[in-house]
Amino acid sequence: MSEEQFTNISMAVLLSGLILFMGFIIWDLGKQSNAGRFGMFVLFLALGFGVTGFVFKELLVSFILAN
């Protein structure tokens, strides 16, 4: 396994874990603050927007480099 392959696999696995952990943190924050259904939606929308942007950027870069 080359360093490039190891780096690509590590980034995919560790970033996925980080994104899941951040989702858990947002959920826990909403639960501890008794945010309710709408409040939880707003938390995930606002705080999850950055994660969504990062994932979209990675997909866009992959798509552009594939062509």
PDB file of N, CA and C in Angstrom:
ATOM      1  N   MET A   1       0.843  -1.165   0.000  1.00  0.00           N
ATOM      2  CA  MET A   1       0.000   0.000   0.000  1.00  0.00           C
ATOM      3  C   MET A   1       0.898   1.241   0.000  1.00  0.00           C
ATOM      4  N   SER A   2       0.626   2.119  -0.932  1.00  0.00           N
ATOM      5  CA  SER A   2       1.426   3.338  -1.022  1.00  0.00           C
ATOM      6  C   SER A   2       0.938   4.373  -0.010  1.00  0.00           C
ATOM      7  N   GLU A   3       1.734   5.400   0.164  1.00  0.00           N
ATOM      8  CA  GLU A   3       1.354   6.461   1.099  1.00  0.00           C
ATOM      9  C   GLU A   3       0.095   7.185   0.625  1.00  0.00           C
ATOM     10  N   GLU A   4      -0.045   7.367  -0.675  1.00  0.00           N
ATOM     11  CA  GLU A   4      -1.214   8.049  -1.215  1.00  0.00           C
ATOM     12  C   GLU A   4      -2.492   7.255  -0.948  1.00  0.00           C
ATOM     13  N   GLN A   5      -2.446   5.946  -1.142  1.00  0.00           N
ATOM     14  CA  GLN A   5      -3.607   5.105  -0.862  1.00  0.00           C
ATOM     15  C   GLN A   5      -3.965   5.142   0.618  1.00  0.00           C
ATOM     16  N   PHE A   6      -2.938   5.042   1.477  1.00  0.00           N
ATOM     17  CA  PHE A   6      -3.168   5.087   2.917  1.00  0.00           C
ATOM     18  C   PHE A   6      -3.791   6.416   3.325  1.00  0.00           C
ATOM     19  N   THR A   7      -3.294   7.512   2.756  1.00  0.00           N
ATOM     20  CA  THR A   7      -3.818   8.834   3.070  1.00  0.00           C
ATOM     21  C   THR A   7      -5.269   8.966   2.639  1.00  0.00           C
ATOM     22  N   ASN A   8      -5.581   8.501   1.441  1.00  0.00           N
ATOM     23  CA  ASN A   8      -6.964   8.591   0.948  1.00  0.00           C
ATOM     24  C   ASN A   8      -7.923   7.777   1.805  1.00  0.00           C
ATOM     25  N   ILE A   9      -7.528   6.562   2.162  1.00  0.00           N
ATOM     26  CA  ILE A   9      -8.383   5.717   2.995  1.00  0.00           C
ATOM     27  C   ILE A   9      -8.531   6.323   4.384  1.00  0.00           C
ATOM     28  N   SER A  10      -7.428   6.796   4.952  1.00  0.00           N
ATOM     29  CA  SER A  10      -7.469   7.393   6.290  1.00  0.00           C
ATOM     30  C   SER A  10      -8.354   8.630   6.322  1.00  0.00           C
ATOM     31  N   MET A  11      -8.237   9.473   5.321  1.00  0.00           N
ATOM     32  CA  MET A  11      -9.064  10.683   5.274  1.00  0.00           C
ATOM     33  C   MET A  11     -10.543  10.330   5.189  1.00  0.00           C
ATOM     34  N   ALA A  12     -10.881   9.356   4.364  1.00  0.00           N
ATOM     35  CA  ALA A  12     -12.288   8.975   4.222  1.00  0.00           C
ATOM     36  C   ALA A  12     -12.833   8.414   5.528  1.00  0.00           C
ATOM     37  N   VAL A  13     -12.090   7.530   6.162  1.00  0.00           N
ATOM     38  CA  VAL A  13     -12.563   6.890   7.395  1.00  0.00           C
ATOM     39  C   VAL A  13     -12.621   7.887   8.541  1.00  0.00           C
ATOM     40  N   LEU A  14     -11.549   8.638   8.747  1.00  0.00           N
ATOM     41  CA  LEU A  14     -11.491   9.552   9.884  1.00  0.00           C
ATOM     42  C   LEU A  14     -12.430  10.741   9.725  1.00  0.00           C
ATOM     43  N   LEU A  15     -12.579  11.268   8.522  1.00  0.00           N
ATOM     44  CA  LEU A  15     -13.527  12.365   8.325  1.00  0.00           C
ATOM     45  C   LEU A  15     -14.966  11.895   8.484  1.00  0.00           C
ATOM     46  N   SER A  16     -15.254  10.684   8.051  1.00  0.00           N
ATOM     47  CA  SER A  16     -16.599  10.138   8.269  1.00  0.00           C
ATOM     48  C   SER A  16     -16.879  10.002   9.759  1.00  0.00           C
ATOM     49  N   GLY A  17     -15.896   9.521  10.501  1.00  0.00           N
ATOM     50  CA  GLY A  17     -16.047   9.414  11.950  1.00  0.00           C
ATOM     51  C   GLY A  17     -16.230  10.774  12.602  1.00  0.00           C
ATOM     52  N   LEU A  18     -15.486  11.764  12.143  1.00  0.00           N
ATOM     53  CA  LEU A  18     -15.601  13.111  12.683  1.00  0.00           C
ATOM     54  C   LEU A  18     -16.979  13.700  12.396  1.00  0.00           C
ATOM     55  N   ILE A  19     -17.483  13.495  11.196  1.00  0.00           N
ATOM     56  CA  ILE A  19     -18.800  14.000  10.830  1.00  0.00           C
ATOM     57  C   ILE A  19     -19.876  13.331  11.678  1.00  0.00           C
ATOM     58  N   LEU A  20     -19.777  12.032  11.886  1.00  0.00           N
ATOM     59  CA  LEU A  20     -20.738  11.337  12.744  1.00  0.00           C
ATOM     60  C   LEU A  20     -20.655  11.838  14.182  1.00  0.00           C
ATOM     61  N   PHE A  21     -19.448  12.062  14.675  1.00  0.00           N
ATOM     62  CA  PHE A  21     -19.277  12.569  16.029  1.00  0.00           C
ATOM     63  C   PHE A  21     -19.862  13.977  16.165  1.00  0.00           C
ATOM     64  N   MET A  22     -19.670  14.809  15.154  1.00  0.00           N
ATOM     65  CA  MET A  22     -20.252  16.147  15.190  1.00  0.00           C
ATOM     66  C   MET A  22     -21.775  16.089  15.164  1.00  0.00           C
ATOM     67  N   GLY A  23     -22.334  15.141  14.428  1.00  0.00           N
ATOM     68  CA  GLY A  23     -23.782  14.943  14.442  1.00  0.00           C
ATOM     69  C   GLY A  23     -24.277  14.537  15.821  1.00  0.00           C
ATOM     70  N   PHE A  24     -23.521  13.672  16.489  1.00  0.00           N
ATOM     71  CA  PHE A  24     -23.881  13.284  17.853  1.00  0.00           C
ATOM     72  C   PHE A  24     -23.818  14.481  18.793  1.00  0.00           C
ATOM     73  N   ILE A  25     -22.801  15.325  18.636  1.00  0.00           N
ATOM     74  CA  ILE A  25     -22.666  16.508  19.484  1.00  0.00           C
ATOM     75  C   ILE A  25     -23.854  17.451  19.278  1.00  0.00           C
ATOM     76  N   ILE A  26     -24.261  17.665  18.047  1.00  0.00           N
ATOM     77  CA  ILE A  26     -25.415  18.524  17.764  1.00  0.00           C
ATOM     78  C   ILE A  26     -26.669  17.930  18.379  1.00  0.00           C
ATOM     79  N   TRP A  27     -26.862  16.627  18.231  1.00  0.00           N
ATOM     80  CA  TRP A  27     -28.033  15.960  18.807  1.00  0.00           C
ATOM     81  C   TRP A  27     -28.034  16.085  20.326  1.00  0.00           C
ATOM     82  N   ASP A  28     -26.872  15.864  20.953  1.00  0.00           N
ATOM     83  CA  ASP A  28     -26.770  15.951  22.407  1.00  0.00           C
ATOM     84  C   ASP A  28     -27.018  17.384  22.884  1.00  0.00           C
ATOM     85  N   LEU A  29     -26.517  18.358  22.155  1.00  0.00           N
ATOM     86  CA  LEU A  29     -26.751  19.752  22.493  1.00  0.00           C
ATOM     87  C   LEU A  29     -28.246  20.074  22.469  1.00  0.00           C
ATOM     88  N   GLY A  30     -28.932  19.600  21.449  1.00  0.00           N
ATOM     89  CA  GLY A  30     -30.373  19.817  21.367  1.00  0.00           C
ATOM     90  C   GLY A  30     -31.134  19.113  22.463  1.00  0.00           C
ATOM     91  N   LYS A  31     -30.707  17.913  22.797  1.00  0.00           N
ATOM     92  CA  LYS A  31     -31.386  17.149  23.846  1.00  0.00           C
ATOM     93  C   LYS A  31     -31.191  17.791  25.215  1.00  0.00           C
ATOM     94  N   GLN A  32     -29.970  18.238  25.514  1.00  0.00           N
ATOM     95  CA  GLN A  32     -29.692  18.844  26.814  1.00  0.00           C
ATOM     96  C   GLN A  32     -30.386  20.192  26.978  1.00  0.00           C
ATOM     97  N   SER A  33     -30.613  20.900  25.884  1.00  0.00           N
ATOM     98  CA  SER A  33     -31.259  22.204  25.965  1.00  0.00           C
ATOM     99  C   SER A  33     -32.773  22.115  25.794  1.00  0.00           C
ATOM    100  N   ASN A  34     -33.308  20.900  25.704  1.00  0.00           N
ATOM    101  CA  ASN A  34     -34.750  20.690  25.494  1.00  0.00           C
ATOM    102  C   ASN A  34     -35.256  21.500  24.303  1.00  0.00           C
ATOM    103  N   ALA A  35     -34.580  21.363  23.194  1.00  0.00           N
ATOM    104  CA  ALA A  35     -34.859  22.185  22.021  1.00  0.00           C
ATOM    105  C   ALA A  35     -36.181  21.827  21.342  1.00  0.00           C
ATOM    106  N   GLY A  36     -36.667  20.636  21.507  1.00  0.00           N
ATOM    107  CA  GLY A  36     -37.885  20.237  20.807  1.00  0.00           C
ATOM    108  C   GLY A  36     -37.590  19.854  19.375  1.00  0.00           C
ATOM    109  N   ARG A  37     -38.639  19.530  18.661  1.00  0.00           N
ATOM    110  CA  ARG A  37     -38.472  19.051  17.289  1.00  0.00           C
ATOM    111  C   ARG A  37     -37.990  20.163  16.350  1.00  0.00           C
ATOM    112  N   PHE A  38     -38.628  21.328  16.441  1.00  0.00           N
ATOM    113  CA  PHE A  38     -38.236  22.435  15.564  1.00  0.00           C
ATOM    114  C   PHE A  38     -36.839  22.945  15.926  1.00  0.00           C
ATOM    115  N   GLY A  39     -36.549  23.048  17.208  1.00  0.00           N
ATOM    116  CA  GLY A  39     -35.234  23.495  17.649  1.00  0.00           C
ATOM    117  C   GLY A  39     -34.133  22.554  17.199  1.00  0.00           C
ATOM    118  N   MET A  40     -34.407  21.257  17.259  1.00  0.00           N
ATOM    119  CA  MET A  40     -33.435  20.263  16.806  1.00  0.00           C
ATOM    120  C   MET A  40     -33.205  20.405  15.305  1.00  0.00           C
ATOM    121  N   PHE A  41     -34.284  20.664  14.571  1.00  0.00           N
ATOM    122  CA  PHE A  41     -34.166  20.876  13.126  1.00  0.00           C
ATOM    123  C   PHE A  41     -33.288  22.082  12.821  1.00  0.00           C
ATOM    124  N   VAL A  42     -33.512  23.180  13.553  1.00  0.00           N
ATOM    125  CA  VAL A  42     -32.723  24.397  13.338  1.00  0.00           C
ATOM    126  C   VAL A  42     -31.262  24.149  13.692  1.00  0.00           C
ATOM    127  N   LEU A  43     -30.998  23.425  14.785  1.00  0.00           N
ATOM    128  CA  LEU A  43     -29.617  23.117  15.156  1.00  0.00           C
ATOM    129  C   LEU A  43     -28.916  22.325  14.062  1.00  0.00           C
ATOM    130  N   PHE A  44     -29.566  21.276  13.594  1.00  0.00           N
ATOM    131  CA  PHE A  44     -28.948  20.462  12.547  1.00  0.00           C
ATOM    132  C   PHE A  44     -28.792  21.244  11.252  1.00  0.00           C
ATOM    133  N   LEU A  45     -29.747  22.105  10.950  1.00  0.00           N
ATOM    134  CA  LEU A  45     -29.652  22.899   9.733  1.00  0.00           C
ATOM    135  C   LEU A  45     -28.496  23.885   9.821  1.00  0.00           C
ATOM    136  N   ALA A  46     -28.422  24.632  10.912  1.00  0.00           N
ATOM    137  CA  ALA A  46     -27.411  25.681  11.042  1.00  0.00           C
ATOM    138  C   ALA A  46     -26.017  25.098  11.262  1.00  0.00           C
ATOM    139  N   LEU A  47     -25.886  24.187  12.220  1.00  0.00           N
ATOM    140  CA  LEU A  47     -24.568  23.656  12.541  1.00  0.00           C
ATOM    141  C   LEU A  47     -24.112  22.601  11.541  1.00  0.00           C
ATOM    142  N   GLY A  48     -25.044  21.905  10.938  1.00  0.00           N
ATOM    143  CA  GLY A  48     -24.687  20.901   9.956  1.00  0.00           C
ATOM    144  C   GLY A  48     -24.415  21.470   8.571  1.00  0.00           C
ATOM    145  N   PHE A  49     -24.711  22.749   8.387  1.00  0.00           N
ATOM    146  CA  PHE A  49     -24.525  23.356   7.069  1.00  0.00           C
ATOM    147  C   PHE A  49     -23.060  23.381   6.660  1.00  0.00           C
ATOM    148  N   GLY A  50     -22.172  23.615   7.610  1.00  0.00           N
ATOM    149  CA  GLY A  50     -20.736  23.619   7.313  1.00  0.00           C
ATOM    150  C   GLY A  50     -20.244  22.258   6.883  1.00  0.00           C
ATOM    151  N   VAL A  51     -20.723  21.217   7.548  1.00  0.00           N
ATOM    152  CA  VAL A  51     -20.345  19.848   7.188  1.00  0.00           C
ATOM    153  C   VAL A  51     -20.870  19.514   5.797  1.00  0.00           C
ATOM    154  N   THR A  52     -22.092  19.921   5.525  1.00  0.00           N
ATOM    155  CA  THR A  52     -22.674  19.670   4.209  1.00  0.00           C
ATOM    156  C   THR A  52     -21.870  20.366   3.119  1.00  0.00           C
ATOM    157  N   GLY A  53     -21.438  21.589   3.387  1.00  0.00           N
ATOM    158  CA  GLY A  53     -20.615  22.322   2.425  1.00  0.00           C
ATOM    159  C   GLY A  53     -19.288  21.633   2.169  1.00  0.00           C
ATOM    160  N   PHE A  54     -18.675  21.110   3.230  1.00  0.00           N
ATOM    161  CA  PHE A  54     -17.395  20.411   3.074  1.00  0.00           C
ATOM    162  C   PHE A  54     -17.580  19.142   2.239  1.00  0.00           C
ATOM    163  N   VAL A  55     -18.617  18.371   2.528  1.00  0.00           N
ATOM    164  CA  VAL A  55     -18.871  17.136   1.774  1.00  0.00           C
ATOM    165  C   VAL A  55     -19.174  17.472   0.311  1.00  0.00           C
ATOM    166  N   PHE A  56     -19.971  18.515   0.078  1.00  0.00           N
ATOM    167  CA  PHE A  56     -20.290  18.923  -1.291  1.00  0.00           C
ATOM    168  C   PHE A  56     -19.029  19.332  -2.045  1.00  0.00           C
ATOM    169  N   LYS A  57     -18.137  20.063  -1.368  1.00  0.00           N
ATOM    170  CA  LYS A  57     -16.881  20.479  -2.001  1.00  0.00           C
ATOM    171  C   LYS A  57     -16.048  19.266  -2.403  1.00  0.00           C
ATOM    172  N   GLU A  58     -15.951  18.276  -1.521  1.00  0.00           N
ATOM    173  CA  GLU A  58     -15.175  17.070  -1.835  1.00  0.00           C
ATOM    174  C   GLU A  58     -15.784  16.321  -3.016  1.00  0.00           C
ATOM    175  N   LEU A  59     -17.112  16.212  -3.050  1.00  0.00           N
ATOM    176  CA  LEU A  59     -17.773  15.543  -4.170  1.00  0.00           C
ATOM    177  C   LEU A  59     -17.548  16.311  -5.475  1.00  0.00           C
ATOM    178  N   LEU A  60     -17.623  17.632  -5.401  1.00  0.00           N
ATOM    179  CA  LEU A  60     -17.424  18.460  -6.592  1.00  0.00           C
ATOM    180  C   LEU A  60     -16.001  18.333  -7.113  1.00  0.00           C
ATOM    181  N   VAL A  61     -15.029  18.344  -6.231  1.00  0.00           N
ATOM    182  CA  VAL A  61     -13.629  18.193  -6.645  1.00  0.00           C
ATOM    183  C   VAL A  61     -13.408  16.810  -7.270  1.00  0.00           C
ATOM    184  N   SER A  62     -13.985  15.779  -6.678  1.00  0.00           N
ATOM    185  CA  SER A  62     -13.860  14.427  -7.225  1.00  0.00           C
ATOM    186  C   SER A  62     -14.482  14.346  -8.611  1.00  0.00           C
ATOM    187  N   PHE A  63     -15.639  14.978  -8.768  1.00  0.00           N
ATOM    188  CA  PHE A  63     -16.323  14.962 -10.066  1.00  0.00           C
ATOM    189  C   PHE A  63     -15.518  15.700 -11.125  1.00  0.00           C
ATOM    190  N   ILE A  64     -14.957  16.843 -10.754  1.00  0.00           N
ATOM    191  CA  ILE A  64     -14.192  17.631 -11.719  1.00  0.00           C
ATOM    192  C   ILE A  64     -12.898  16.908 -12.109  1.00  0.00           C
ATOM    193  N   LEU A  65     -12.231  16.301 -11.137  1.00  0.00           N
ATOM    194  CA  LEU A  65     -10.985  15.591 -11.443  1.00  0.00           C
ATOM    195  C   LEU A  65     -11.229  14.309 -12.237  1.00  0.00           C
ATOM    196  N   ALA A  66     -12.415  13.742 -12.129  1.00  0.00           N
ATOM    197  CA  ALA A  66     -12.714  12.508 -12.853  1.00  0.00           C
ATOM    198  C   ALA A  66     -12.884  12.773 -14.353  1.00  0.00           C
ATOM    199  N   ASN A  67     -13.253  14.000 -14.690  1.00  0.00           N
ATOM    200  CA  ASN A  67     -13.475  14.324 -16.117  1.00  0.00           C
ATOM    201  C   ASN A  67     -12.255  14.836 -16.781  1.00  0.00           C
TER     202      ASN A  67
END
